Amino acid sequence: MTPLSPTHHLTGGRPTPTSAFPSMLHERPQLLALSEELLMMVVEYLDYPDLIVLAAANWQLTRIIYSTPAL
């Protein structure tokens, strides 16, 4: 049985092998850089890094990365 990644729930409950995340990041470096930039823009806009908002933004960006086809 393939172990699940800590973020397998972000794929709609479908099992995600632990190797999928590093592979995904390798295939989508531009998207990862964009997601980090967007996250920093949220922090700067808030002018206070509220952990709840950061966690929600990070979760949403992770969902975008997982649902976007390889560039």
PDB file of N, CA and C in Angstrom:
ATOM      1  N   MET A   1       0.842  -1.181   0.000  1.00  0.00           N
ATOM      2  CA  MET A   1       0.000   0.000   0.000  1.00  0.00           C
ATOM      3  C   MET A   1       0.886   1.243   0.000  1.00  0.00           C
ATOM      4  N   THR A   2       0.563   2.215  -0.829  1.00  0.00           N
ATOM      5  CA  THR A   2       1.347   3.443  -0.934  1.00  0.00           C
ATOM      6  C   THR A   2       1.010   4.369   0.227  1.00  0.00           C
ATOM      7  N   PRO A   3       2.030   4.890   0.943  1.00  0.00           N
ATOM      8  CA  PRO A   3       1.741   5.820   2.038  1.00  0.00           C
ATOM      9  C   PRO A   3       1.162   7.120   1.494  1.00  0.00           C
ATOM     10  N   LEU A   4       0.323   7.761   2.294  1.00  0.00           N
ATOM     11  CA  LEU A   4      -0.299   9.014   1.890  1.00  0.00           C
ATOM     12  C   LEU A   4       0.541  10.197   2.343  1.00  0.00           C
ATOM     13  N   SER A   5       0.481  11.257   1.570  1.00  0.00           N
ATOM     14  CA  SER A   5       1.179  12.476   1.965  1.00  0.00           C
ATOM     15  C   SER A   5       0.356  13.187   3.032  1.00  0.00           C
ATOM     16  N   PRO A   6       0.992  14.111   3.793  1.00  0.00           N
ATOM     17  CA  PRO A   6       0.246  14.856   4.803  1.00  0.00           C
ATOM     18  C   PRO A   6      -0.852  15.727   4.194  1.00  0.00           C
ATOM     19  N   THR A   7      -0.777  15.994   2.907  1.00  0.00           N
ATOM     20  CA  THR A   7      -1.750  16.879   2.268  1.00  0.00           C
ATOM     21  C   THR A   7      -2.702  16.117   1.350  1.00  0.00           C
ATOM     22  N   HIS A   8      -2.859  14.787   1.555  1.00  0.00           N
ATOM     23  CA  HIS A   8      -3.705  14.014   0.640  1.00  0.00           C
ATOM     24  C   HIS A   8      -5.152  14.479   0.662  1.00  0.00           C
ATOM     25  N   HIS A   9      -5.595  15.104   1.761  1.00  0.00           N
ATOM     26  CA  HIS A   9      -6.972  15.580   1.832  1.00  0.00           C
ATOM     27  C   HIS A   9      -7.218  16.737   0.866  1.00  0.00           C
ATOM     28  N   LEU A  10      -6.164  17.388   0.377  1.00  0.00           N
ATOM     29  CA  LEU A  10      -6.316  18.509  -0.543  1.00  0.00           C
ATOM     30  C   LEU A  10      -6.662  18.044  -1.952  1.00  0.00           C
ATOM     31  N   THR A  11      -6.568  16.772  -2.210  1.00  0.00           N
ATOM     32  CA  THR A  11      -6.866  16.242  -3.540  1.00  0.00           C
ATOM     33  C   THR A  11      -8.277  15.679  -3.603  1.00  0.00           C
ATOM     34  N   GLY A  12      -9.131  16.130  -2.714  1.00  0.00           N
ATOM     35  CA  GLY A  12     -10.505  15.650  -2.716  1.00  0.00           C
ATOM     36  C   GLY A  12     -10.657  14.264  -2.145  1.00  0.00           C
ATOM     37  N   GLY A  13      -9.717  13.851  -1.298  1.00  0.00           N
ATOM     38  CA  GLY A  13      -9.792  12.548  -0.671  1.00  0.00           C
ATOM     39  C   GLY A  13      -9.112  11.448  -1.456  1.00  0.00           C
ATOM     40  N   ARG A  14      -8.665  11.766  -2.676  1.00  0.00           N
ATOM     41  CA  ARG A  14      -7.963  10.741  -3.458  1.00  0.00           C
ATOM     42  C   ARG A  14      -6.594  10.500  -2.833  1.00  0.00           C
ATOM     43  N   PRO A  15      -6.158   9.259  -2.720  1.00  0.00           N
ATOM     44  CA  PRO A  15      -4.826   8.983  -2.173  1.00  0.00           C
ATOM     45  C   PRO A  15      -3.740   9.641  -3.021  1.00  0.00           C
ATOM     46  N   THR A  16      -2.786  10.232  -2.358  1.00  0.00           N
ATOM     47  CA  THR A  16      -1.666  10.881  -3.038  1.00  0.00           C
ATOM     48  C   THR A  16      -0.375  10.287  -2.503  1.00  0.00           C
ATOM     49  N   PRO A  17       0.420   9.638  -3.330  1.00  0.00           N
ATOM     50  CA  PRO A  17       1.691   9.100  -2.848  1.00  0.00           C
ATOM     51  C   PRO A  17       2.587  10.208  -2.306  1.00  0.00           C
ATOM     52  N   THR A  18       3.401   9.882  -1.312  1.00  0.00           N
ATOM     53  CA  THR A  18       4.279  10.899  -0.722  1.00  0.00           C
ATOM     54  C   THR A  18       5.260  11.445  -1.741  1.00  0.00           C
ATOM     55  N   SER A  19       5.556  10.685  -2.791  1.00  0.00           N
ATOM     56  CA  SER A  19       6.495  11.151  -3.806  1.00  0.00           C
ATOM     57  C   SER A  19       5.873  12.177  -4.743  1.00  0.00           C
ATOM     58  N   ALA A  20       4.561  12.361  -4.718  1.00  0.00           N
ATOM     59  CA  ALA A  20       3.907  13.279  -5.654  1.00  0.00           C
ATOM     60  C   ALA A  20       4.262  14.727  -5.362  1.00  0.00           C
ATOM     61  N   PHE A  21       4.397  15.095  -4.090  1.00  0.00           N
ATOM     62  CA  PHE A  21       4.647  16.503  -3.756  1.00  0.00           C
ATOM     63  C   PHE A  21       6.001  16.980  -4.267  1.00  0.00           C
ATOM     64  N   PRO A  22       7.124  16.296  -3.970  1.00  0.00           N
ATOM     65  CA  PRO A  22       8.406  16.759  -4.521  1.00  0.00           C
ATOM     66  C   PRO A  22       8.411  16.763  -6.047  1.00  0.00           C
ATOM     67  N   SER A  23       7.788  15.759  -6.661  1.00  0.00           N
ATOM     68  CA  SER A  23       7.721  15.693  -8.120  1.00  0.00           C
ATOM     69  C   SER A  23       6.943  16.878  -8.660  1.00  0.00           C
ATOM     70  N   MET A  24       5.841  17.187  -8.012  1.00  0.00           N
ATOM     71  CA  MET A  24       5.000  18.292  -8.443  1.00  0.00           C
ATOM     72  C   MET A  24       5.771  19.607  -8.381  1.00  0.00           C
ATOM     73  N   LEU A  25       6.520  19.808  -7.307  1.00  0.00           N
ATOM     74  CA  LEU A  25       7.281  21.049  -7.164  1.00  0.00           C
ATOM     75  C   LEU A  25       8.376  21.134  -8.221  1.00  0.00           C
ATOM     76  N   HIS A  26       8.962  20.000  -8.538  1.00  0.00           N
ATOM     77  CA  HIS A  26      10.005  19.976  -9.559  1.00  0.00           C
ATOM     78  C   HIS A  26       9.431  20.332 -10.929  1.00  0.00           C
ATOM     79  N   GLU A  27       8.211  19.871 -11.204  1.00  0.00           N
ATOM     80  CA  GLU A  27       7.580  20.114 -12.496  1.00  0.00           C
ATOM     81  C   GLU A  27       6.969  21.499 -12.608  1.00  0.00           C
ATOM     82  N   ARG A  28       6.702  22.150 -11.491  1.00  0.00           N
ATOM     83  CA  ARG A  28       5.997  23.435 -11.516  1.00  0.00           C
ATOM     84  C   ARG A  28       6.748  24.519 -10.725  1.00  0.00           C
ATOM     85  N   PRO A  29       8.015  24.760 -11.011  1.00  0.00           N
ATOM     86  CA  PRO A  29       8.744  25.760 -10.218  1.00  0.00           C
ATOM     87  C   PRO A  29       8.186  27.169 -10.370  1.00  0.00           C
ATOM     88  N   GLN A  30       7.668  27.518 -11.568  1.00  0.00           N
ATOM     89  CA  GLN A  30       7.116  28.857 -11.760  1.00  0.00           C
ATOM     90  C   GLN A  30       5.864  29.044 -10.904  1.00  0.00           C
ATOM     91  N   LEU A  31       5.032  28.016 -10.842  1.00  0.00           N
ATOM     92  CA  LEU A  31       3.812  28.103 -10.057  1.00  0.00           C
ATOM     93  C   LEU A  31       4.132  28.189  -8.570  1.00  0.00           C
ATOM     94  N   LEU A  32       5.124  27.436  -8.123  1.00  0.00           N
ATOM     95  CA  LEU A  32       5.518  27.497  -6.724  1.00  0.00           C
ATOM     96  C   LEU A  32       6.036  28.890  -6.379  1.00  0.00           C
ATOM     97  N   ALA A  33       6.873  29.470  -7.240  1.00  0.00           N
ATOM     98  CA  ALA A  33       7.394  30.810  -7.000  1.00  0.00           C
ATOM     99  C   ALA A  33       6.258  31.822  -6.959  1.00  0.00           C
ATOM    100  N   LEU A  34       5.290  31.680  -7.848  1.00  0.00           N
ATOM    101  CA  LEU A  34       4.143  32.584  -7.872  1.00  0.00           C
ATOM    102  C   LEU A  34       3.327  32.447  -6.596  1.00  0.00           C
ATOM    103  N   SER A  35       3.116  31.217  -6.127  1.00  0.00           N
ATOM    104  CA  SER A  35       2.325  31.022  -4.914  1.00  0.00           C
ATOM    105  C   SER A  35       3.024  31.634  -3.705  1.00  0.00           C
ATOM    106  N   GLU A  36       4.356  31.524  -3.636  1.00  0.00           N
ATOM    107  CA  GLU A  36       5.097  32.139  -2.536  1.00  0.00           C
ATOM    108  C   GLU A  36       4.992  33.662  -2.602  1.00  0.00           C
ATOM    109  N   GLU A  37       5.059  34.196  -3.817  1.00  0.00           N
ATOM    110  CA  GLU A  37       4.948  35.649  -3.990  1.00  0.00           C
ATOM    111  C   GLU A  37       3.557  36.135  -3.581  1.00  0.00           C
ATOM    112  N   LEU A  38       2.521  35.398  -3.977  1.00  0.00           N
ATOM    113  CA  LEU A  38       1.162  35.774  -3.600  1.00  0.00           C
ATOM    114  C   LEU A  38       0.966  35.716  -2.092  1.00  0.00           C
ATOM    115  N   LEU A  39       1.536  34.704  -1.458  1.00  0.00           N
ATOM    116  CA  LEU A  39       1.429  34.575  -0.015  1.00  0.00           C
ATOM    117  C   LEU A  39       2.088  35.771   0.680  1.00  0.00           C
ATOM    118  N   MET A  40       3.244  36.199   0.184  1.00  0.00           N
ATOM    119  CA  MET A  40       3.929  37.352   0.774  1.00  0.00           C
ATOM    120  C   MET A  40       3.126  38.633   0.542  1.00  0.00           C
ATOM    121  N   MET A  41       2.441  38.735  -0.589  1.00  0.00           N
ATOM    122  CA  MET A  41       1.598  39.903  -0.844  1.00  0.00           C
ATOM    123  C   MET A  41       0.453  39.960   0.163  1.00  0.00           C
ATOM    124  N   VAL A  42      -0.100  38.798   0.501  1.00  0.00           N
ATOM    125  CA  VAL A  42      -1.165  38.755   1.514  1.00  0.00           C
ATOM    126  C   VAL A  42      -0.630  39.250   2.849  1.00  0.00           C
ATOM    127  N   VAL A  43       0.563  38.788   3.225  1.00  0.00           N
ATOM    128  CA  VAL A  43       1.167  39.192   4.495  1.00  0.00           C
ATOM    129  C   VAL A  43       1.399  40.704   4.510  1.00  0.00           C
ATOM    130  N   GLU A  44       1.950  41.244   3.420  1.00  0.00           N
ATOM    131  CA  GLU A  44       2.218  42.681   3.359  1.00  0.00           C
ATOM    132  C   GLU A  44       0.928  43.484   3.383  1.00  0.00           C
ATOM    133  N   TYR A  45      -0.106  43.003   2.699  1.00  0.00           N
ATOM    134  CA  TYR A  45      -1.386  43.704   2.669  1.00  0.00           C
ATOM    135  C   TYR A  45      -1.996  43.762   4.070  1.00  0.00           C
ATOM    136  N   LEU A  46      -1.908  42.669   4.795  1.00  0.00           N
ATOM    137  CA  LEU A  46      -2.471  42.630   6.139  1.00  0.00           C
ATOM    138  C   LEU A  46      -1.677  43.496   7.107  1.00  0.00           C
ATOM    139  N   ASP A  47      -0.389  43.669   6.815  1.00  0.00           N
ATOM    140  CA  ASP A  47       0.525  44.413   7.676  1.00  0.00           C
ATOM    141  C   ASP A  47       0.643  43.774   9.060  1.00  0.00           C
ATOM    142  N   TYR A  48       0.111  42.592   9.206  1.00  0.00           N
ATOM    143  CA  TYR A  48       0.231  41.809  10.429  1.00  0.00           C
ATOM    144  C   TYR A  48       0.011  40.352  10.060  1.00  0.00           C
ATOM    145  N   PRO A  49       1.013  39.508  10.215  1.00  0.00           N
ATOM    146  CA  PRO A  49       0.889  38.115   9.757  1.00  0.00           C
ATOM    147  C   PRO A  49      -0.033  37.275  10.642  1.00  0.00           C
ATOM    148  N   ASP A  50      -1.316  37.433  10.454  1.00  0.00           N
ATOM    149  CA  ASP A  50      -2.301  36.663  11.190  1.00  0.00           C
ATOM    150  C   ASP A  50      -2.171  35.190  10.781  1.00  0.00           C
ATOM    151  N   LEU A  51      -1.873  34.338  11.732  1.00  0.00           N
ATOM    152  CA  LEU A  51      -1.596  32.937  11.428  1.00  0.00           C
ATOM    153  C   LEU A  51      -2.776  32.207  10.803  1.00  0.00           C
ATOM    154  N   ILE A  52      -3.985  32.563  11.198  1.00  0.00           N
ATOM    155  CA  ILE A  52      -5.155  31.894  10.634  1.00  0.00           C
ATOM    156  C   ILE A  52      -5.291  32.242   9.151  1.00  0.00           C
ATOM    157  N   VAL A  53      -5.102  33.512   8.813  1.00  0.00           N
ATOM    158  CA  VAL A  53      -5.203  33.929   7.416  1.00  0.00           C
ATOM    159  C   VAL A  53      -4.072  33.317   6.604  1.00  0.00           C
ATOM    160  N   LEU A  54      -2.865  33.272   7.176  1.00  0.00           N
ATOM    161  CA  LEU A  54      -1.740  32.670   6.472  1.00  0.00           C
ATOM    162  C   LEU A  54      -1.978  31.186   6.209  1.00  0.00           C
ATOM    163  N   ALA A  55      -2.490  30.494   7.192  1.00  0.00           N
ATOM    164  CA  ALA A  55      -2.764  29.067   7.017  1.00  0.00           C
ATOM    165  C   ALA A  55      -3.816  28.852   5.929  1.00  0.00           C
ATOM    166  N   ALA A  56      -4.849  29.678   5.921  1.00  0.00           N
ATOM    167  CA  ALA A  56      -5.896  29.553   4.903  1.00  0.00           C
ATOM    168  C   ALA A  56      -5.343  29.856   3.515  1.00  0.00           C
ATOM    169  N   ALA A  57      -4.527  30.898   3.401  1.00  0.00           N
ATOM    170  CA  ALA A  57      -3.941  31.253   2.104  1.00  0.00           C
ATOM    171  C   ALA A  57      -3.009  30.150   1.627  1.00  0.00           C
ATOM    172  N   ASN A  58      -2.203  29.609   2.509  1.00  0.00           N
ATOM    173  CA  ASN A  58      -1.280  28.540   2.145  1.00  0.00           C
ATOM    174  C   ASN A  58      -2.052  27.296   1.698  1.00  0.00           C
ATOM    175  N   TRP A  59      -3.129  26.974   2.407  1.00  0.00           N
ATOM    176  CA  TRP A  59      -3.951  25.823   2.040  1.00  0.00           C
ATOM    177  C   TRP A  59      -4.546  26.015   0.650  1.00  0.00           C
ATOM    178  N   GLN A  60      -5.063  27.220   0.378  1.00  0.00           N
ATOM    179  CA  GLN A  60      -5.667  27.484  -0.926  1.00  0.00           C
ATOM    180  C   GLN A  60      -4.621  27.426  -2.034  1.00  0.00           C
ATOM    181  N   LEU A  61      -3.440  27.968  -1.802  1.00  0.00           N
ATOM    182  CA  LEU A  61      -2.380  27.938  -2.805  1.00  0.00           C
ATOM    183  C   LEU A  61      -1.917  26.513  -3.072  1.00  0.00           C
ATOM    184  N   THR A  62      -1.871  25.700  -2.034  1.00  0.00           N
ATOM    185  CA  THR A  62      -1.509  24.293  -2.217  1.00  0.00           C
ATOM    186  C   THR A  62      -2.545  23.594  -3.082  1.00  0.00           C
ATOM    187  N   ARG A  63      -3.826  23.903  -2.872  1.00  0.00           N
ATOM    188  CA  ARG A  63      -4.885  23.324  -3.713  1.00  0.00           C
ATOM    189  C   ARG A  63      -4.714  23.752  -5.164  1.00  0.00           C
ATOM    190  N   ILE A  64      -4.338  25.002  -5.392  1.00  0.00           N
ATOM    191  CA  ILE A  64      -4.134  25.490  -6.760  1.00  0.00           C
ATOM    192  C   ILE A  64      -2.994  24.725  -7.418  1.00  0.00           C
ATOM    193  N   ILE A  65      -1.904  24.538  -6.694  1.00  0.00           N
ATOM    194  CA  ILE A  65      -0.750  23.822  -7.249  1.00  0.00           C
ATOM    195  C   ILE A  65      -1.139  22.397  -7.601  1.00  0.00           C
ATOM    196  N   TYR A  66      -1.860  21.726  -6.709  1.00  0.00           N
ATOM    197  CA  TYR A  66      -2.251  20.344  -6.960  1.00  0.00           C
ATOM    198  C   TYR A  66      -3.224  20.222  -8.129  1.00  0.00           C
ATOM    199  N   SER A  67      -4.078  21.217  -8.338  1.00  0.00           N
ATOM    200  CA  SER A  67      -5.103  21.096  -9.382  1.00  0.00           C
ATOM    201  C   SER A  67      -4.662  21.655 -10.729  1.00  0.00           C
ATOM    202  N   THR A  68      -3.484  22.270 -10.805  1.00  0.00           N
ATOM    203  CA  THR A  68      -3.004  22.857 -12.052  1.00  0.00           C
ATOM    204  C   THR A  68      -2.148  21.850 -12.811  1.00  0.00           C
ATOM    205  N   PRO A  69      -2.417  21.654 -14.096  1.00  0.00           N
ATOM    206  CA  PRO A  69      -1.580  20.739 -14.883  1.00  0.00           C
ATOM    207  C   PRO A  69      -0.136  21.246 -14.948  1.00  0.00           C
ATOM    208  N   ALA A  70       0.784  20.351 -15.175  1.00  0.00           N
ATOM    209  CA  ALA A  70       2.195  20.733 -15.287  1.00  0.00           C
ATOM    210  C   ALA A  70       2.360  21.774 -16.374  1.00  0.00           C
ATOM    211  N   LEU A  71       3.216  22.751 -16.113  1.00  0.00           N
ATOM    212  CA  LEU A  71       3.438  23.826 -17.087  1.00  0.00           C
ATOM    213  C   LEU A  71       4.317  23.361 -18.221  1.00  0.00           C
TER     214      LEU A  71
END
